[in-house]
Amino acid sequence: MDPAEVESVIARFAAEATDLLRPRAIWAHGSLALGDFQPGRSDLDLVAVLAEPLTIQQASSLIALHERLLRDEPAAAKLHCTYVALAEIADAETPHYTFAHSRHLQRPVSPVTRRELLSAGRVLAGAEPTELLPPVSDSELAAYIRHMLRTYYLAVVTKSPSTWFSDTWIDQITLAYARAAVTLREGRLITKAAAAYRSAWSTTSATDATASRTGQPWPGGYDVP
């Protein structure tokens, strides 16, 4: 998968979703917005803001749209979109209709996602994030990150110690910890690539995490973003 394929599927999705839903906005966040995108590895994380909640007919049409993209565009397998009604956009805990991992589910737009959108969100259609999203305070962001570290990551490794033998989980937990540490200490978000450079628990873990995110070996030292 090359960057042109990614841009093609994003543009097609934005155009077809706009025709179908007439959204107030469609935004990209995560690595697409923060400059850390790795074709074939990174997800295409999107949020669509709707004037009204989805109807049953619209939800059915959305499923058809996503399934059509999956058939036609290999890059669409990584495309995830959460659909948020404008009236619910201020609540970071409300779950919203989401299509991700080739299925539909319910997912909130977290404080981390909101901060990403407000600081670096990429507009695919409609209004800027700052026009529709309320601000996310440092204290709100920190509280959410502590909650996730305690109730998700700690719970995973406590209940399933074998997690530490999984390369995927070692990568994910190491990067999550490094990103959380910077946000809790400095109040800013960093990319997964920057987190990989900071993940110097050992030379091996730092090298592996950095190579997987950037394609480049860890250069050593601590003068990193």
Protein backbone atom coordinates (compact mmCIF):
# COMPACT_ATOMS: atom_id res chain seq x y z
CA MET A 1 0.00 0.00 0.00
CA ASP A 2 1.44 3.39 -0.97
CA PRO A 3 0.46 6.93 0.15
CA ALA A 4 -1.44 7.51 -3.10
CA GLU A 5 -3.77 4.59 -2.32
CA VAL A 6 -4.38 5.98 1.16
CA GLU A 7 -5.20 9.45 -0.15
CA SER A 8 -7.47 7.93 -2.79
CA VAL A 9 -9.59 5.97 -0.31
CA ILE A 10 -9.80 8.94 2.08
CA ALA A 11 -10.93 11.26 -0.70
CA ARG A 12 -13.48 8.75 -2.00
CA PHE A 13 -14.87 8.12 1.48
CA ALA A 14 -15.15 11.84 2.25
CA ALA A 15 -16.94 12.51 -1.04
CA GLU A 16 -19.41 9.60 -0.72
CA ALA A 17 -20.07 10.20 2.98
CA THR A 18 -20.72 13.87 2.26
CA ASP A 19 -23.23 12.99 -0.45
CA LEU A 20 -24.95 10.53 1.88
CA LEU A 21 -24.97 12.43 5.19
CA ARG A 22 -24.31 16.12 4.48
CA PRO A 23 -22.10 16.25 7.60
CA ARG A 24 -21.01 19.40 9.36
CA ALA A 25 -17.45 18.12 9.16
CA ILE A 26 -15.23 15.11 8.50
CA TRP A 27 -11.85 15.10 10.25
CA ALA A 28 -8.78 12.88 10.40
CA HIS A 29 -6.93 12.40 13.67
CA GLY A 30 -4.26 10.04 14.99
CA SER A 31 -1.21 9.41 12.83
CA LEU A 32 -2.91 10.87 9.74
CA ALA A 33 -3.05 14.24 11.48
CA LEU A 34 0.09 14.06 13.62
CA GLY A 35 2.48 13.16 10.81
CA ASP A 36 3.30 9.63 12.01
CA PHE A 37 1.36 7.69 9.39
CA GLN A 38 2.82 4.39 8.19
CA PRO A 39 1.05 3.02 5.05
CA GLY A 40 -0.09 -0.54 5.60
CA ARG A 41 0.39 -0.32 9.36
CA SER A 42 -1.41 2.76 10.67
CA ASP A 43 -5.17 3.08 10.88
CA LEU A 44 -7.07 5.79 9.01
CA ASP A 45 -8.81 7.38 12.00
CA LEU A 46 -11.73 9.64 11.08
CA VAL A 47 -14.58 11.45 12.82
CA ALA A 48 -17.71 12.68 11.03
CA VAL A 49 -19.87 15.32 12.74
CA LEU A 50 -23.54 15.13 11.77
CA ALA A 51 -26.26 17.75 12.12
CA GLU A 52 -28.63 15.10 13.53
CA PRO A 53 -28.26 11.57 14.96
CA LEU A 54 -28.02 8.80 12.41
CA THR A 55 -31.30 7.30 11.28
CA ILE A 56 -31.67 3.55 10.79
CA GLN A 57 -31.74 4.11 7.03
CA GLN A 58 -28.55 6.19 7.12
CA ALA A 59 -26.78 3.60 9.26
CA SER A 60 -27.74 0.91 6.77
CA SER A 61 -26.45 3.05 3.90
CA LEU A 62 -23.20 3.66 5.79
CA ILE A 63 -22.62 -0.05 6.22
CA ALA A 64 -23.12 -0.46 2.48
CA LEU A 65 -20.66 2.38 1.83
CA HIS A 66 -17.97 0.85 4.04
CA GLU A 67 -18.50 -2.62 2.59
CA ARG A 68 -18.26 -1.22 -0.94
CA LEU A 69 -14.98 0.49 -0.08
CA LEU A 70 -13.65 -2.73 1.44
CA ARG A 71 -14.36 -4.54 -1.83
CA ASP A 72 -12.87 -1.85 -4.05
CA GLU A 73 -10.00 -0.33 -2.04
CA PRO A 74 -7.42 -2.41 -0.14
CA ALA A 75 -6.57 0.62 2.01
CA ALA A 76 -10.17 0.75 3.26
CA ALA A 77 -9.47 -2.16 5.63
CA LYS A 78 -7.71 0.36 7.87
CA LEU A 79 -10.38 3.05 7.60
CA HIS A 80 -12.25 3.69 10.86
CA CYS A 81 -14.89 6.40 11.29
CA THR A 82 -16.96 7.51 14.27
CA TYR A 83 -20.20 9.36 13.54
CA VAL A 84 -21.07 12.04 16.11
CA ALA A 85 -24.29 14.06 16.26
CA LEU A 86 -23.55 17.74 16.85
CA ALA A 87 -25.82 17.83 19.92
CA GLU A 88 -23.67 15.12 21.56
CA ILE A 89 -20.26 16.45 20.62
CA ALA A 90 -19.51 18.04 24.01
CA ASP A 91 -19.78 14.73 25.90
CA ALA A 92 -16.53 12.74 25.84
CA GLU A 93 -18.16 9.67 27.39
CA THR A 94 -21.12 9.15 25.04
CA PRO A 95 -20.56 6.19 22.67
CA HIS A 96 -21.26 6.83 18.99
CA TYR A 97 -21.86 4.66 15.96
CA THR A 98 -18.47 3.61 14.59
CA PHE A 99 -17.32 1.47 11.69
CA ALA A 100 -13.93 -0.06 12.50
CA HIS A 101 -12.12 -3.34 11.93
CA SER A 102 -14.65 -4.17 9.18
CA ARG A 103 -17.61 -4.10 11.58
CA HIS A 104 -19.88 -1.62 13.32
CA LEU A 105 -19.65 -0.85 17.04
CA GLN A 106 -20.13 1.92 19.59
CA ARG A 107 -17.20 4.12 20.64
CA PRO A 108 -16.79 7.51 22.37
CA VAL A 109 -14.59 10.32 21.06
CA SER A 110 -12.04 10.37 23.86
CA PRO A 111 -10.29 13.41 25.34
CA VAL A 112 -7.07 12.29 23.62
CA THR A 113 -8.81 12.19 20.24
CA ARG A 114 -10.40 15.57 20.93
CA ARG A 115 -7.05 17.13 21.84
CA GLU A 116 -5.50 15.65 18.69
CA LEU A 117 -8.28 17.13 16.59
CA LEU A 118 -8.06 20.54 18.22
CA SER A 119 -4.29 20.76 17.92
CA ALA A 120 -3.65 19.08 14.58
CA GLY A 121 -6.88 17.73 13.10
CA ARG A 122 -6.94 17.36 9.33
CA VAL A 123 -10.13 18.67 7.73
CA LEU A 124 -11.49 16.44 4.96
CA ALA A 125 -14.81 18.27 4.69
CA GLY A 126 -16.69 21.08 6.42
CA ALA A 127 -15.78 23.04 9.54
CA GLU A 128 -12.53 23.18 11.47
CA PRO A 129 -12.40 21.18 14.74
CA THR A 130 -12.02 24.40 16.72
CA GLU A 131 -15.38 25.58 15.36
CA LEU A 132 -17.33 22.61 16.73
CA LEU A 133 -15.36 20.93 19.52
CA PRO A 134 -15.18 22.35 23.03
CA PRO A 135 -11.66 22.74 24.49
CA VAL A 136 -10.04 19.88 26.43
CA SER A 137 -8.31 21.03 29.62
CA ASP A 138 -4.97 19.61 30.75
CA SER A 139 -6.65 18.22 33.86
CA GLU A 140 -9.36 16.47 31.82
CA LEU A 141 -6.73 14.98 29.53
CA ALA A 142 -4.57 13.81 32.43
CA ALA A 143 -7.51 12.24 34.26
CA TYR A 144 -8.49 10.27 31.17
CA ILE A 145 -4.93 9.01 30.59
CA ARG A 146 -4.56 7.88 34.20
CA HIS A 147 -7.91 6.12 33.95
CA MET A 148 -6.85 4.26 30.80
CA LEU A 149 -3.48 3.24 32.25
CA ARG A 150 -5.18 1.87 35.35
CA THR A 151 -8.33 0.27 33.93
CA TYR A 152 -7.08 -0.89 30.53
CA TYR A 153 -3.32 -1.39 30.25
CA LEU A 154 -2.70 -2.45 33.85
CA ALA A 155 -5.78 -4.67 33.76
CA VAL A 156 -4.58 -6.40 30.59
CA VAL A 157 -1.14 -7.31 31.89
CA THR A 158 -2.46 -8.21 35.35
CA LYS A 159 -5.15 -10.56 34.10
CA SER A 160 -3.02 -11.99 31.30
CA PRO A 161 0.71 -12.00 32.17
CA SER A 162 1.37 -13.85 28.91
CA THR A 163 0.72 -10.49 27.25
CA TRP A 164 4.39 -9.73 27.84
CA PHE A 165 5.29 -12.52 25.41
CA SER A 166 3.35 -10.87 22.58
CA ASP A 167 5.39 -8.57 20.33
CA THR A 168 2.26 -6.61 19.42
CA TRP A 169 1.34 -5.93 23.04
CA ILE A 170 4.89 -5.11 24.09
CA ASP A 171 5.02 -2.54 21.29
CA GLN A 172 1.61 -1.10 22.17
CA ILE A 173 2.16 -0.90 25.94
CA THR A 174 5.68 0.51 25.64
CA LEU A 175 4.55 3.27 23.30
CA ALA A 176 1.40 4.00 25.32
CA TYR A 177 3.44 4.39 28.50
CA ALA A 178 5.97 6.71 26.81
CA ARG A 179 3.21 8.88 25.31
CA ALA A 180 1.32 9.01 28.60
CA ALA A 181 4.43 10.02 30.51
CA VAL A 182 5.04 13.02 28.27
CA THR A 183 1.40 14.14 28.35
CA LEU A 184 1.14 13.83 32.14
CA ARG A 185 4.42 15.64 32.65
CA GLU A 186 4.22 18.31 29.94
CA GLY A 187 0.55 18.50 28.92
CA ARG A 188 1.22 17.79 25.24
CA LEU A 189 0.66 14.87 22.90
CA ILE A 190 3.48 13.18 21.00
CA THR A 191 3.45 10.81 18.05
CA LYS A 192 4.13 7.08 18.30
CA ALA A 193 7.41 7.62 16.47
CA ALA A 194 8.52 10.17 19.06
CA ALA A 195 7.39 7.81 21.81
CA ALA A 196 9.48 5.03 20.29
CA TYR A 197 12.61 7.15 20.65
CA ARG A 198 11.74 7.70 24.29
CA SER A 199 11.02 4.04 25.02
CA ALA A 200 14.49 3.28 26.30
CA TRP A 201 13.59 0.61 28.85
CA SER A 202 16.38 -1.35 27.21
CA THR A 203 18.39 -1.04 24.04
CA THR A 204 16.42 -3.93 22.52
CA SER A 205 12.96 -2.57 23.29
CA ALA A 206 13.88 0.91 22.10
CA THR A 207 15.39 -0.42 18.87
CA ASP A 208 12.46 -2.69 18.11
CA ALA A 209 9.79 -0.09 18.88
CA THR A 210 11.58 2.61 16.90
CA ALA A 211 12.17 0.42 13.88
CA SER A 212 8.54 -0.71 13.82
CA ARG A 213 7.20 2.84 13.86
CA THR A 214 9.76 4.71 11.76
CA GLY A 215 11.67 2.15 9.72
CA GLN A 216 14.86 3.57 11.22
CA PRO A 217 17.03 2.14 14.02
CA TRP A 218 17.09 3.88 17.41
CA PRO A 219 20.03 6.33 17.25
CA GLY A 220 20.72 6.20 21.00
CA GLY A 221 20.76 9.11 23.41
CA TYR A 222 17.82 11.02 24.80
CA ASP A 223 17.65 14.22 22.77
CA VAL A 224 14.31 13.34 21.16
CA PRO A 225 11.00 15.11 20.42
